[in-house]
Amino acid sequence: MLKYKTMRAKGKISLSRYFQKFKAGDLVTVIRELAIPLDYPKKLQGRTGRIIDKRGASYHVEIKDLNKPKRYLIKPVHLMKIEPAK
């Protein structure tokens, strides 16, 4: 669980991460940006999910929690796209 930023990254918000775009069906992982207030449960840190659609400035992400799919609205600054394994 992330508790603090490294000395070089402290206070910085990456604008490219803040304005990144995703398409429906993209695989993403949840990585908490510590400079922005938390708006989702901490237990999602490091979980992977699939983008369902975009709602306003946030993305609707479906994440499995104990084999039960749950949907969360997460801002793009907290998401990172991953490539599916081949």
Protein backbone atom coordinates (compact mmCIF):
# COMPACT_ATOMS: atom_id res chain seq x y z
CA MET A 1 0.00 0.00 0.00
CA LEU A 2 1.38 3.38 -0.98
CA LYS A 3 1.78 5.69 2.01
CA TYR A 4 4.06 8.40 0.66
CA LYS A 5 5.71 9.54 -2.55
CA THR A 6 9.40 9.39 -3.30
CA MET A 7 11.37 12.57 -2.75
CA ARG A 8 11.54 13.35 -6.50
CA ALA A 9 7.84 12.81 -7.12
CA LYS A 10 6.61 14.67 -4.05
CA GLY A 11 4.04 17.36 -4.84
CA LYS A 12 3.93 16.55 -8.55
CA ILE A 13 0.87 15.47 -10.50
CA SER A 14 1.65 14.06 -13.92
CA LEU A 15 -0.57 15.89 -16.40
CA SER A 16 -0.24 13.09 -18.95
CA ARG A 17 -1.69 10.66 -16.37
CA TYR A 18 -4.38 13.18 -15.38
CA PHE A 19 -5.67 13.57 -18.96
CA GLN A 20 -5.10 10.02 -20.29
CA LYS A 21 -7.83 8.42 -22.38
CA PHE A 22 -9.17 4.88 -22.29
CA LYS A 23 -11.55 2.92 -24.50
CA ALA A 24 -14.23 0.48 -23.41
CA GLY A 25 -12.68 -2.94 -22.85
CA ASP A 26 -9.18 -1.71 -21.89
CA LEU A 27 -7.47 -3.50 -19.01
CA VAL A 28 -6.34 -1.14 -16.26
CA THR A 29 -4.77 -1.37 -12.84
CA VAL A 30 -5.63 0.95 -9.96
CA ILE A 31 -2.65 2.92 -8.67
CA ARG A 32 -3.53 5.53 -6.09
CA GLU A 33 -2.26 9.07 -6.76
CA LEU A 34 -1.40 10.40 -3.32
CA ALA A 35 -1.61 14.10 -4.27
CA ILE A 36 -5.32 13.83 -5.08
CA PRO A 37 -7.94 13.10 -2.39
CA LEU A 38 -9.07 9.49 -2.24
CA ASP A 39 -12.54 8.88 -3.68
CA TYR A 40 -12.62 5.06 -3.65
CA PRO A 41 -11.86 2.29 -1.14
CA LYS A 42 -8.18 1.72 -0.26
CA LYS A 43 -8.54 -2.02 -0.85
CA LEU A 44 -8.62 -1.37 -4.62
CA GLN A 45 -4.93 -0.41 -4.65
CA GLY A 46 -3.15 -2.72 -7.11
CA ARG A 47 -6.31 -4.44 -8.40
CA THR A 48 -6.91 -4.90 -12.11
CA GLY A 49 -10.16 -4.38 -13.94
CA ARG A 50 -11.80 -3.58 -17.25
CA ILE A 51 -13.11 -0.22 -18.46
CA ILE A 52 -16.88 -0.31 -19.06
CA ASP A 53 -17.50 3.28 -20.18
CA LYS A 54 -16.75 6.91 -19.40
CA ARG A 55 -18.97 8.96 -17.11
CA GLY A 56 -18.09 12.63 -16.96
CA ALA A 57 -14.43 12.97 -16.00
CA SER A 58 -14.28 9.46 -14.50
CA TYR A 59 -14.27 5.94 -15.87
CA HIS A 60 -16.61 3.12 -14.93
CA VAL A 61 -14.29 0.21 -14.02
CA GLU A 62 -15.42 -3.35 -13.31
CA ILE A 63 -13.21 -5.13 -10.76
CA LYS A 64 -13.71 -8.65 -9.42
CA ASP A 65 -13.88 -8.86 -5.64
CA LEU A 66 -13.91 -12.50 -4.49
CA ASN A 67 -15.21 -13.62 -7.92
CA LYS A 68 -18.07 -11.12 -7.74
CA PRO A 69 -17.85 -8.25 -10.26
CA LYS A 70 -18.18 -4.78 -8.74
CA ARG A 71 -18.21 -1.45 -10.54
CA TYR A 72 -16.45 1.71 -9.42
CA LEU A 73 -16.15 5.24 -10.79
CA ILE A 74 -12.45 6.11 -10.76
CA LYS A 75 -10.67 9.19 -12.09
CA PRO A 76 -8.06 8.53 -14.81
CA VAL A 77 -5.18 9.81 -12.67
CA HIS A 78 -5.60 6.71 -10.48
CA LEU A 79 -5.58 4.30 -13.45
CA MET A 80 -2.77 2.79 -15.52
CA LYS A 81 -3.32 0.84 -18.74
CA ILE A 82 -1.86 -2.65 -18.89
CA GLU A 83 -1.33 -4.89 -21.88
CA PRO A 84 -3.03 -8.31 -21.75
CA ALA A 85 -0.72 -11.31 -21.56
CA LYS A 86 -0.33 -13.23 -24.79
